[in-house]
Amino acid sequence: YRKYADSDTAAVLRIRALLAAGLPTRVIRHVLPCTTDKAAVQ
């Protein structure tokens, strides 16, 4: 079974926001570590 950390909830919400912005997952993989909880990109 997969066990997700509490922080994964926020990560999924950021992934969905980035997908909604038109980014493909290959770009999101690069950008995700640089996002804040509000999906703002650092």
PDB file of all heavy atoms in Angstrom:
ATOM      1  N   TYR A   1       0.836  -1.201   0.000  1.00  0.00           N
ATOM      2  CA  TYR A   1       0.000   0.000   0.000  1.00  0.00           C
ATOM      3  C   TYR A   1       0.871   1.252   0.000  1.00  0.00           C
ATOM      4  O   TYR A   1       1.959   1.270   0.569  1.00  0.00           O
ATOM      5  CB  TYR A   1      -0.900   0.038   1.242  1.00  0.00           C
ATOM      6  CG  TYR A   1      -2.048  -0.942   1.242  1.00  0.00           C
ATOM      7  CD1 TYR A   1      -2.207  -1.904   0.266  1.00  0.00           C
ATOM      8  CD2 TYR A   1      -2.986  -0.886   2.260  1.00  0.00           C
ATOM      9  CE1 TYR A   1      -3.279  -2.792   0.297  1.00  0.00           C
ATOM     10  CE2 TYR A   1      -4.062  -1.772   2.300  1.00  0.00           C
ATOM     11  CZ  TYR A   1      -4.181  -2.722   1.309  1.00  0.00           C
ATOM     12  OH  TYR A   1      -5.234  -3.586   1.343  1.00  0.00           O
ATOM     13  N   ARG A   2       0.368   2.288  -0.617  1.00  0.00           N
ATOM     14  CA  ARG A   2       1.054   3.575  -0.615  1.00  0.00           C
ATOM     15  C   ARG A   2       0.649   4.342   0.650  1.00  0.00           C
ATOM     16  O   ARG A   2      -0.521   4.411   0.973  1.00  0.00           O
ATOM     17  CB  ARG A   2       0.642   4.401  -1.845  1.00  0.00           C
ATOM     18  CG  ARG A   2       1.110   3.835  -3.152  1.00  0.00           C
ATOM     19  CD  ARG A   2       0.349   4.504  -4.310  1.00  0.00           C
ATOM     20  NE  ARG A   2       0.844   4.071  -5.594  1.00  0.00           N
ATOM     21  CZ  ARG A   2       0.439   2.981  -6.232  1.00  0.00           C
ATOM     22  NH1 ARG A   2      -0.479   2.204  -5.695  1.00  0.00           N
ATOM     23  NH2 ARG A   2       0.944   2.682  -7.407  1.00  0.00           N
ATOM     24  N   LYS A   3       1.634   4.946   1.303  1.00  0.00           N
ATOM     25  CA  LYS A   3       1.367   5.756   2.488  1.00  0.00           C
ATOM     26  C   LYS A   3       1.876   7.162   2.190  1.00  0.00           C
ATOM     27  O   LYS A   3       3.053   7.376   1.934  1.00  0.00           O
ATOM     28  CB  LYS A   3       2.076   5.166   3.712  1.00  0.00           C
ATOM     29  CG  LYS A   3       1.775   5.899   5.000  1.00  0.00           C
ATOM     30  CD  LYS A   3       2.306   5.159   6.214  1.00  0.00           C
ATOM     31  CE  LYS A   3       3.757   5.461   6.415  1.00  0.00           C
ATOM     32  NZ  LYS A   3       4.271   4.922   7.700  1.00  0.00           N
ATOM     33  N   TYR A   4       0.943   8.120   2.191  1.00  0.00           N
ATOM     34  CA  TYR A   4       1.257   9.499   1.842  1.00  0.00           C
ATOM     35  C   TYR A   4       1.444  10.345   3.089  1.00  0.00           C
ATOM     36  O   TYR A   4       0.712  10.202   4.061  1.00  0.00           O
ATOM     37  CB  TYR A   4       0.131  10.095   0.994  1.00  0.00           C
ATOM     38  CG  TYR A   4       0.014   9.441  -0.358  1.00  0.00           C
ATOM     39  CD1 TYR A   4      -0.811   8.340  -0.548  1.00  0.00           C
ATOM     40  CD2 TYR A   4       0.731   9.917  -1.441  1.00  0.00           C
ATOM     41  CE1 TYR A   4      -0.911   7.733  -1.784  1.00  0.00           C
ATOM     42  CE2 TYR A   4       0.637   9.316  -2.681  1.00  0.00           C
ATOM     43  CZ  TYR A   4      -0.187   8.224  -2.853  1.00  0.00           C
ATOM     44  OH  TYR A   4      -0.279   7.623  -4.080  1.00  0.00           O
ATOM     45  N   ALA A   5       2.412  11.243   3.036  1.00  0.00           N
ATOM     46  CA  ALA A   5       2.641  12.193   4.121  1.00  0.00           C
ATOM     47  C   ALA A   5       1.579  13.278   4.061  1.00  0.00           C
ATOM     48  O   ALA A   5       0.962  13.513   3.018  1.00  0.00           O
ATOM     49  CB  ALA A   5       4.030  12.816   3.979  1.00  0.00           C
ATOM     50  N   ASP A   6       1.381  13.956   5.163  1.00  0.00           N
ATOM     51  CA  ASP A   6       0.420  15.053   5.207  1.00  0.00           C
ATOM     52  C   ASP A   6       0.773  16.120   4.163  1.00  0.00           C
ATOM     53  O   ASP A   6      -0.110  16.701   3.543  1.00  0.00           O
ATOM     54  CB  ASP A   6       0.387  15.663   6.608  1.00  0.00           C
ATOM     55  CG  ASP A   6      -0.719  16.669   6.769  1.00  0.00           C
ATOM     56  OD1 ASP A   6      -1.867  16.367   6.379  1.00  0.00           O
ATOM     57  OD2 ASP A   6      -0.444  17.767   7.273  1.00  0.00           O
ATOM     58  N   SER A   7       2.061  16.339   3.935  1.00  0.00           N
ATOM     59  CA  SER A   7       2.494  17.347   2.953  1.00  0.00           C
ATOM     60  C   SER A   7       2.085  16.987   1.525  1.00  0.00           C
ATOM     61  O   SER A   7       2.030  17.862   0.654  1.00  0.00           O
ATOM     62  CB  SER A   7       4.007  17.538   3.032  1.00  0.00           C
ATOM     63  OG  SER A   7       4.664  16.315   2.737  1.00  0.00           O
ATOM     64  N   ASP A   8       1.781  15.712   1.267  1.00  0.00           N
ATOM     65  CA  ASP A   8       1.360  15.314  -0.075  1.00  0.00           C
ATOM     66  C   ASP A   8       0.000  15.902  -0.449  1.00  0.00           C
ATOM     67  O   ASP A   8      -0.288  16.084  -1.628  1.00  0.00           O
ATOM     68  CB  ASP A   8       1.328  13.788  -0.209  1.00  0.00           C
ATOM     69  CG  ASP A   8       2.724  13.189  -0.277  1.00  0.00           C
ATOM     70  OD1 ASP A   8       3.639  13.866  -0.802  1.00  0.00           O
ATOM     71  OD2 ASP A   8       2.902  12.051   0.192  1.00  0.00           O
ATOM     72  N   THR A   9      -0.823  16.217   0.532  1.00  0.00           N
ATOM     73  CA  THR A   9      -2.113  16.854   0.243  1.00  0.00           C
ATOM     74  C   THR A   9      -1.873  18.189  -0.455  1.00  0.00           C
ATOM     75  O   THR A   9      -2.446  18.462  -1.513  1.00  0.00           O
ATOM     76  CB  THR A   9      -2.933  17.057   1.535  1.00  0.00           C
ATOM     77  OG1 THR A   9      -3.183  15.776   2.125  1.00  0.00           O
ATOM     78  CG2 THR A   9      -4.249  17.751   1.249  1.00  0.00           C
ATOM     79  N   ALA A  10      -1.007  19.011   0.118  1.00  0.00           N
ATOM     80  CA  ALA A  10      -0.693  20.307  -0.495  1.00  0.00           C
ATOM     81  C   ALA A  10       0.002  20.114  -1.830  1.00  0.00           C
ATOM     82  O   ALA A  10      -0.249  20.860  -2.782  1.00  0.00           O
ATOM     83  CB  ALA A  10       0.172  21.138   0.448  1.00  0.00           C
ATOM     84  N   ALA A  11       0.869  19.112  -1.945  1.00  0.00           N
ATOM     85  CA  ALA A  11       1.576  18.865  -3.205  1.00  0.00           C
ATOM     86  C   ALA A  11       0.586  18.523  -4.321  1.00  0.00           C
ATOM     87  O   ALA A  11       0.716  19.032  -5.443  1.00  0.00           O
ATOM     88  CB  ALA A  11       2.597  17.742  -3.036  1.00  0.00           C
ATOM     89  N   VAL A  12      -0.400  17.694  -4.025  1.00  0.00           N
ATOM     90  CA  VAL A  12      -1.398  17.337  -5.047  1.00  0.00           C
ATOM     91  C   VAL A  12      -2.169  18.576  -5.490  1.00  0.00           C
ATOM     92  O   VAL A  12      -2.416  18.777  -6.683  1.00  0.00           O
ATOM     93  CB  VAL A  12      -2.358  16.235  -4.539  1.00  0.00           C
ATOM     94  CG1 VAL A  12      -3.533  16.044  -5.491  1.00  0.00           C
ATOM     95  CG2 VAL A  12      -1.599  14.929  -4.357  1.00  0.00           C
ATOM     96  N   LEU A  13      -2.529  19.425  -4.545  1.00  0.00           N
ATOM     97  CA  LEU A  13      -3.260  20.646  -4.898  1.00  0.00           C
ATOM     98  C   LEU A  13      -2.390  21.563  -5.760  1.00  0.00           C
ATOM     99  O   LEU A  13      -2.883  22.188  -6.713  1.00  0.00           O
ATOM    100  CB  LEU A  13      -3.748  21.354  -3.642  1.00  0.00           C
ATOM    101  CG  LEU A  13      -4.767  20.545  -2.819  1.00  0.00           C
ATOM    102  CD1 LEU A  13      -5.106  21.268  -1.526  1.00  0.00           C
ATOM    103  CD2 LEU A  13      -6.013  20.230  -3.625  1.00  0.00           C
ATOM    104  N   ARG A  14      -1.078  21.616  -5.476  1.00  0.00           N
ATOM    105  CA  ARG A  14      -0.175  22.414  -6.320  1.00  0.00           C
ATOM    106  C   ARG A  14      -0.043  21.797  -7.706  1.00  0.00           C
ATOM    107  O   ARG A  14      -0.034  22.504  -8.707  1.00  0.00           O
ATOM    108  CB  ARG A  14       1.197  22.544  -5.647  1.00  0.00           C
ATOM    109  CG  ARG A  14       1.173  23.462  -4.437  1.00  0.00           C
ATOM    110  CD  ARG A  14       2.564  23.840  -3.957  1.00  0.00           C
ATOM    111  NE  ARG A  14       3.467  22.734  -3.726  1.00  0.00           N
ATOM    112  CZ  ARG A  14       3.590  22.060  -2.580  1.00  0.00           C
ATOM    113  NH1 ARG A  14       2.831  22.373  -1.548  1.00  0.00           N
ATOM    114  NH2 ARG A  14       4.458  21.091  -2.461  1.00  0.00           N
ATOM    115  N   ILE A  15       0.059  20.477  -7.774  1.00  0.00           N
ATOM    116  CA  ILE A  15       0.139  19.790  -9.074  1.00  0.00           C
ATOM    117  C   ILE A  15      -1.083  20.117  -9.907  1.00  0.00           C
ATOM    118  O   ILE A  15      -0.982  20.458 -11.087  1.00  0.00           O
ATOM    119  CB  ILE A  15       0.272  18.254  -8.872  1.00  0.00           C
ATOM    120  CG1 ILE A  15       1.642  17.917  -8.278  1.00  0.00           C
ATOM    121  CG2 ILE A  15       0.041  17.512 -10.181  1.00  0.00           C
ATOM    122  CD1 ILE A  15       1.744  16.507  -7.723  1.00  0.00           C
ATOM    123  N   ARG A  16      -2.243  20.038  -9.297  1.00  0.00           N
ATOM    124  CA  ARG A  16      -3.487  20.326 -10.032  1.00  0.00           C
ATOM    125  C   ARG A  16      -3.538  21.769 -10.507  1.00  0.00           C
ATOM    126  O   ARG A  16      -3.994  22.055 -11.612  1.00  0.00           O
ATOM    127  CB  ARG A  16      -4.684  19.963  -9.171  1.00  0.00           C
ATOM    128  CG  ARG A  16      -4.735  18.440  -8.956  1.00  0.00           C
ATOM    129  CD  ARG A  16      -5.938  17.990  -8.238  1.00  0.00           C
ATOM    130  NE  ARG A  16      -7.132  18.532  -8.846  1.00  0.00           N
ATOM    131  CZ  ARG A  16      -8.174  17.822  -9.222  1.00  0.00           C
ATOM    132  NH1 ARG A  16      -8.165  16.533  -9.076  1.00  0.00           N
ATOM    133  NH2 ARG A  16      -9.240  18.396  -9.724  1.00  0.00           N
ATOM    134  N   ALA A  17      -3.056  22.702  -9.691  1.00  0.00           N
ATOM    135  CA  ALA A  17      -3.027  24.113 -10.092  1.00  0.00           C
ATOM    136  C   ALA A  17      -2.080  24.305 -11.271  1.00  0.00           C
ATOM    137  O   ALA A  17      -2.394  25.037 -12.222  1.00  0.00           O
ATOM    138  CB  ALA A  17      -2.609  24.991  -8.915  1.00  0.00           C
ATOM    139  N   LEU A  18      -0.928  23.645 -11.238  1.00  0.00           N
ATOM    140  CA  LEU A  18       0.039  23.770 -12.330  1.00  0.00           C
ATOM    141  C   LEU A  18      -0.482  23.112 -13.600  1.00  0.00           C
ATOM    142  O   LEU A  18      -0.271  23.622 -14.710  1.00  0.00           O
ATOM    143  CB  LEU A  18       1.387  23.192 -11.911  1.00  0.00           C
ATOM    144  CG  LEU A  18       2.100  23.980 -10.804  1.00  0.00           C
ATOM    145  CD1 LEU A  18       3.249  23.174 -10.209  1.00  0.00           C
ATOM    146  CD2 LEU A  18       2.579  25.327 -11.314  1.00  0.00           C
ATOM    147  N   LEU A  19      -1.173  21.985 -13.466  1.00  0.00           N
ATOM    148  CA  LEU A  19      -1.805  21.357 -14.636  1.00  0.00           C
ATOM    149  C   LEU A  19      -2.860  22.279 -15.235  1.00  0.00           C
ATOM    150  O   LEU A  19      -2.961  22.415 -16.450  1.00  0.00           O
ATOM    151  CB  LEU A  19      -2.435  20.012 -14.256  1.00  0.00           C
ATOM    152  CG  LEU A  19      -1.466  18.858 -14.033  1.00  0.00           C
ATOM    153  CD1 LEU A  19      -2.186  17.692 -13.356  1.00  0.00           C
ATOM    154  CD2 LEU A  19      -0.833  18.421 -15.341  1.00  0.00           C
ATOM    155  N   ALA A  20      -3.636  22.929 -14.375  1.00  0.00           N
ATOM    156  CA  ALA A  20      -4.670  23.861 -14.849  1.00  0.00           C
ATOM    157  C   ALA A  20      -4.051  25.052 -15.569  1.00  0.00           C
ATOM    158  O   ALA A  20      -4.681  25.650 -16.444  1.00  0.00           O
ATOM    159  CB  ALA A  20      -5.521  24.345 -13.673  1.00  0.00           C
ATOM    160  N   ALA A  21      -2.798  25.374 -15.238  1.00  0.00           N
ATOM    161  CA  ALA A  21      -2.092  26.469 -15.911  1.00  0.00           C
ATOM    162  C   ALA A  21      -1.522  26.020 -17.252  1.00  0.00           C
ATOM    163  O   ALA A  21      -0.898  26.816 -17.948  1.00  0.00           O
ATOM    164  CB  ALA A  21      -0.972  26.999 -15.021  1.00  0.00           C
ATOM    165  N   GLY A  22      -1.744  24.758 -17.603  1.00  0.00           N
ATOM    166  CA  GLY A  22      -1.300  24.268 -18.905  1.00  0.00           C
ATOM    167  C   GLY A  22       0.062  23.615 -18.910  1.00  0.00           C
ATOM    168  O   GLY A  22       0.593  23.310 -19.982  1.00  0.00           O
ATOM    169  N   LEU A  23       0.648  23.366 -17.746  1.00  0.00           N
ATOM    170  CA  LEU A  23       1.968  22.749 -17.712  1.00  0.00           C
ATOM    171  C   LEU A  23       1.861  21.237 -17.792  1.00  0.00           C
ATOM    172  O   LEU A  23       1.036  20.635 -17.096  1.00  0.00           O
ATOM    173  CB  LEU A  23       2.703  23.129 -16.429  1.00  0.00           C
ATOM    174  CG  LEU A  23       3.012  24.604 -16.231  1.00  0.00           C
ATOM    175  CD1 LEU A  23       3.682  24.827 -14.884  1.00  0.00           C
ATOM    176  CD2 LEU A  23       3.890  25.124 -17.343  1.00  0.00           C
ATOM    177  N   PRO A  24       2.682  20.595 -18.610  1.00  0.00           N
ATOM    178  CA  PRO A  24       2.704  19.130 -18.636  1.00  0.00           C
ATOM    179  C   PRO A  24       3.467  18.596 -17.427  1.00  0.00           C
ATOM    180  O   PRO A  24       4.253  19.314 -16.797  1.00  0.00           O
ATOM    181  CB  PRO A  24       3.454  18.814 -19.944  1.00  0.00           C
ATOM    182  CG  PRO A  24       4.310  20.010 -20.194  1.00  0.00           C
ATOM    183  CD  PRO A  24       3.563  21.185 -19.608  1.00  0.00           C
ATOM    184  N   THR A  25       3.262  17.330 -17.107  1.00  0.00           N
ATOM    185  CA  THR A  25       3.887  16.760 -15.912  1.00  0.00           C
ATOM    186  C   THR A  25       5.409  16.815 -15.976  1.00  0.00           C
ATOM    187  O   THR A  25       6.058  16.983 -14.943  1.00  0.00           O
ATOM    188  CB  THR A  25       3.431  15.310 -15.665  1.00  0.00           C
ATOM    189  OG1 THR A  25       3.699  14.527 -16.834  1.00  0.00           O
ATOM    190  CG2 THR A  25       1.960  15.246 -15.308  1.00  0.00           C
ATOM    191  N   ARG A  26       6.015  16.725 -17.161  1.00  0.00           N
ATOM    192  CA  ARG A  26       7.483  16.773 -17.248  1.00  0.00           C
ATOM    193  C   ARG A  26       8.006  18.136 -16.785  1.00  0.00           C
ATOM    194  O   ARG A  26       9.063  18.220 -16.181  1.00  0.00           O
ATOM    195  CB  ARG A  26       7.976  16.431 -18.644  1.00  0.00           C
ATOM    196  CG  ARG A  26       7.606  17.422 -19.700  1.00  0.00           C
ATOM    197  CD  ARG A  26       8.128  17.073 -21.087  1.00  0.00           C
ATOM    198  NE  ARG A  26       7.476  17.856 -22.093  1.00  0.00           N
ATOM    199  CZ  ARG A  26       7.619  19.168 -22.245  1.00  0.00           C
ATOM    200  NH1 ARG A  26       8.435  19.821 -21.465  1.00  0.00           N
ATOM    201  NH2 ARG A  26       6.963  19.820 -23.183  1.00  0.00           N
ATOM    202  N   VAL A  27       7.245  19.214 -17.046  1.00  0.00           N
ATOM    203  CA  VAL A  27       7.636  20.551 -16.580  1.00  0.00           C
ATOM    204  C   VAL A  27       7.308  20.693 -15.099  1.00  0.00           C
ATOM    205  O   VAL A  27       8.091  21.248 -14.327  1.00  0.00           O
ATOM    206  CB  VAL A  27       6.956  21.652 -17.418  1.00  0.00           C
ATOM    207  CG1 VAL A  27       7.230  23.038 -16.838  1.00  0.00           C
ATOM    208  CG2 VAL A  27       7.426  21.581 -18.871  1.00  0.00           C
ATOM    209  N   ILE A  28       6.161  20.169 -14.693  1.00  0.00           N
ATOM    210  CA  ILE A  28       5.766  20.246 -13.279  1.00  0.00           C
ATOM    211  C   ILE A  28       6.802  19.551 -12.400  1.00  0.00           C
ATOM    212  O   ILE A  28       7.127  20.038 -11.322  1.00  0.00           O
ATOM    213  CB  ILE A  28       4.360  19.660 -13.069  1.00  0.00           C
ATOM    214  CG1 ILE A  28       3.322  20.543 -13.759  1.00  0.00           C
ATOM    215  CG2 ILE A  28       4.047  19.526 -11.574  1.00  0.00           C
ATOM    216  CD1 ILE A  28       1.922  19.977 -13.763  1.00  0.00           C
ATOM    217  N   ARG A  29       7.370  18.442 -12.868  1.00  0.00           N
ATOM    218  CA  ARG A  29       8.395  17.730 -12.097  1.00  0.00           C
ATOM    219  C   ARG A  29       9.566  18.663 -11.778  1.00  0.00           C
ATOM    220  O   ARG A  29      10.143  18.614 -10.705  1.00  0.00           O
ATOM    221  CB  ARG A  29       8.892  16.510 -12.871  1.00  0.00           C
ATOM    222  CG  ARG A  29       9.790  15.605 -12.078  1.00  0.00           C
ATOM    223  CD  ARG A  29      10.251  14.346 -12.827  1.00  0.00           C
ATOM    224  NE  ARG A  29       9.310  13.789 -13.762  1.00  0.00           N
ATOM    225  CZ  ARG A  29       9.379  13.913 -15.112  1.00  0.00           C
ATOM    226  NH1 ARG A  29      10.326  14.577 -15.665  1.00  0.00           N
ATOM    227  NH2 ARG A  29       8.484  13.375 -15.890  1.00  0.00           N
ATOM    228  N   HIS A  30       9.889  19.532 -12.709  1.00  0.00           N
ATOM    229  CA  HIS A  30      10.990  20.480 -12.524  1.00  0.00           C
ATOM    230  C   HIS A  30      10.569  21.665 -11.645  1.00  0.00           C
ATOM    231  O   HIS A  30      11.359  22.159 -10.851  1.00  0.00           O
ATOM    232  CB  HIS A  30      11.442  20.968 -13.904  1.00  0.00           C
ATOM    233  CG  HIS A  30      12.635  21.847 -13.885  1.00  0.00           C
ATOM    234  ND1 HIS A  30      13.899  21.394 -13.619  1.00  0.00           N
ATOM    235  CD2 HIS A  30      12.754  23.171 -14.097  1.00  0.00           C
ATOM    236  CE1 HIS A  30      14.741  22.397 -13.663  1.00  0.00           C
ATOM    237  NE2 HIS A  30      14.079  23.496 -13.952  1.00  0.00           N
ATOM    238  N   VAL A  31       9.321  22.107 -11.799  1.00  0.00           N
ATOM    239  CA  VAL A  31       8.830  23.311 -11.120  1.00  0.00           C
ATOM    240  C   VAL A  31       8.339  23.022  -9.701  1.00  0.00           C
ATOM    241  O   VAL A  31       8.502  23.858  -8.802  1.00  0.00           O
ATOM    242  CB  VAL A  31       7.692  23.951 -11.959  1.00  0.00           C
ATOM    243  CG1 VAL A  31       7.010  25.083 -11.213  1.00  0.00           C
ATOM    244  CG2 VAL A  31       8.230  24.434 -13.296  1.00  0.00           C
ATOM    245  N   LEU A  32       7.761  21.866  -9.471  1.00  0.00           N
ATOM    246  CA  LEU A  32       7.105  21.554  -8.192  1.00  0.00           C
ATOM    247  C   LEU A  32       7.981  21.807  -6.960  1.00  0.00           C
ATOM    248  O   LEU A  32       7.501  22.393  -5.987  1.00  0.00           O
ATOM    249  CB  LEU A  32       6.583  20.122  -8.197  1.00  0.00           C
ATOM    250  CG  LEU A  32       5.681  19.724  -7.036  1.00  0.00           C
ATOM    251  CD1 LEU A  32       4.412  20.583  -7.005  1.00  0.00           C
ATOM    252  CD2 LEU A  32       5.318  18.252  -7.132  1.00  0.00           C
ATOM    253  N   PRO A  33       9.249  21.419  -6.969  1.00  0.00           N
ATOM    254  CA  PRO A  33      10.059  21.684  -5.774  1.00  0.00           C
ATOM    255  C   PRO A  33      10.243  23.180  -5.477  1.00  0.00           C
ATOM    256  O   PRO A  33      10.652  23.546  -4.386  1.00  0.00           O
ATOM    257  CB  PRO A  33      11.414  21.039  -6.101  1.00  0.00           C
ATOM    258  CG  PRO A  33      11.129  20.064  -7.173  1.00  0.00           C
ATOM    259  CD  PRO A  33       9.975  20.625  -7.952  1.00  0.00           C
ATOM    260  N   CYS A  34       9.923  24.013  -6.446  1.00  0.00           N
ATOM    261  CA  CYS A  34      10.105  25.462  -6.292  1.00  0.00           C
ATOM    262  C   CYS A  34       8.790  26.179  -6.037  1.00  0.00           C
ATOM    263  O   CYS A  34       8.703  27.398  -6.204  1.00  0.00           O
ATOM    264  CB  CYS A  34      10.763  26.035  -7.550  1.00  0.00           C
ATOM    265  SG  CYS A  34      12.345  25.278  -7.917  1.00  0.00           S
ATOM    266  N   THR A  35       7.745  25.442  -5.648  1.00  0.00           N
ATOM    267  CA  THR A  35       6.445  26.061  -5.404  1.00  0.00           C
ATOM    268  C   THR A  35       6.182  26.189  -3.913  1.00  0.00           C
ATOM    269  O   THR A  35       6.736  25.456  -3.099  1.00  0.00           O
ATOM    270  CB  THR A  35       5.294  25.255  -6.038  1.00  0.00           C
ATOM    271  OG1 THR A  35       5.286  23.938  -5.482  1.00  0.00           O
ATOM    272  CG2 THR A  35       5.417  25.186  -7.540  1.00  0.00           C
ATOM    273  N   THR A  36       5.303  27.128  -3.588  1.00  0.00           N
ATOM    274  CA  THR A  36       4.856  27.309  -2.212  1.00  0.00           C
ATOM    275  C   THR A  36       3.503  26.627  -2.057  1.00  0.00           C
ATOM    276  O   THR A  36       2.942  26.126  -3.033  1.00  0.00           O
ATOM    277  CB  THR A  36       4.696  28.806  -1.890  1.00  0.00           C
ATOM    278  OG1 THR A  36       3.630  29.336  -2.688  1.00  0.00           O
ATOM    279  CG2 THR A  36       5.977  29.580  -2.156  1.00  0.00           C
ATOM    280  N   ASP A  37       2.964  26.640  -0.873  1.00  0.00           N
ATOM    281  CA  ASP A  37       1.657  26.031  -0.633  1.00  0.00           C
ATOM    282  C   ASP A  37       0.553  26.654  -1.477  1.00  0.00           C
ATOM    283  O   ASP A  37      -0.476  26.055  -1.697  1.00  0.00           O
ATOM    284  CB  ASP A  37       1.277  26.114   0.847  1.00  0.00           C
ATOM    285  CG  ASP A  37       2.065  25.121   1.683  1.00  0.00           C
ATOM    286  OD1 ASP A  37       2.633  24.171   1.109  1.00  0.00           O
ATOM    287  OD2 ASP A  37       2.114  25.301   2.913  1.00  0.00           O
ATOM    288  N   LYS A  38       0.743  27.868  -1.936  1.00  0.00           N
ATOM    289  CA  LYS A  38      -0.270  28.552  -2.742  1.00  0.00           C
ATOM    290  C   LYS A  38      -0.004  28.378  -4.233  1.00  0.00           C
ATOM    291  O   LYS A  38      -0.575  29.063  -5.052  1.00  0.00           O
ATOM    292  CB  LYS A  38      -0.272  30.049  -2.403  1.00  0.00           C
ATOM    293  CG  LYS A  38      -0.486  30.336  -0.934  1.00  0.00           C
ATOM    294  CD  LYS A  38      -1.918  30.673  -0.672  1.00  0.00           C
ATOM    295  CE  LYS A  38      -2.140  31.205   0.708  1.00  0.00           C
ATOM    296  NZ  LYS A  38      -2.343  30.236   1.729  1.00  0.00           N
ATOM    297  N   ALA A  39       0.917  27.486  -4.590  1.00  0.00           N
ATOM    298  CA  ALA A  39       1.305  27.196  -5.973  1.00  0.00           C
ATOM    299  C   ALA A  39       2.068  28.344  -6.614  1.00  0.00           C
ATOM    300  O   ALA A  39       2.269  28.360  -7.812  1.00  0.00           O
ATOM    301  CB  ALA A  39       0.109  26.786  -6.835  1.00  0.00           C
ATOM    302  N   ALA A  40       2.517  29.300  -5.804  1.00  0.00           N
ATOM    303  CA  ALA A  40       3.381  30.353  -6.333  1.00  0.00           C
ATOM    304  C   ALA A  40       4.751  29.743  -6.606  1.00  0.00           C
ATOM    305  O   ALA A  40       5.228  28.906  -5.845  1.00  0.00           O
ATOM    306  CB  ALA A  40       3.503  31.501  -5.329  1.00  0.00           C
ATOM    307  N   VAL A  41       5.376  30.145  -7.689  1.00  0.00           N
ATOM    308  CA  VAL A  41       6.661  29.581  -8.071  1.00  0.00           C
ATOM    309  C   VAL A  41       7.780  30.507  -7.601  1.00  0.00           C
ATOM    310  O   VAL A  41       7.756  31.709  -7.858  1.00  0.00           O
ATOM    311  CB  VAL A  41       6.733  29.373  -9.601  1.00  0.00           C
ATOM    312  CG1 VAL A  41       8.086  28.815 -10.007  1.00  0.00           C
ATOM    313  CG2 VAL A  41       5.613  28.444 -10.062  1.00  0.00           C
ATOM    314  N   GLN A  42       8.735  29.925  -6.915  1.00  0.00           N
ATOM    315  CA  GLN A  42       9.911  30.648  -6.453  1.00  0.00           C
ATOM    316  C   GLN A  42      10.977  30.606  -7.548  1.00  0.00           C
ATOM    317  O   GLN A  42      11.004  29.683  -8.349  1.00  0.00           O
ATOM    318  CB  GLN A  42      10.450  30.006  -5.173  1.00  0.00           C
ATOM    319  CG  GLN A  42       9.451  29.943  -4.041  1.00  0.00           C
ATOM    320  CD  GLN A  42       8.983  31.321  -3.621  1.00  0.00           C
ATOM    321  OE1 GLN A  42       9.775  32.217  -3.384  1.00  0.00           O
ATOM    322  NE2 GLN A  42       7.677  31.509  -3.555  1.00  0.00           N
TER     323      GLN A  42
END
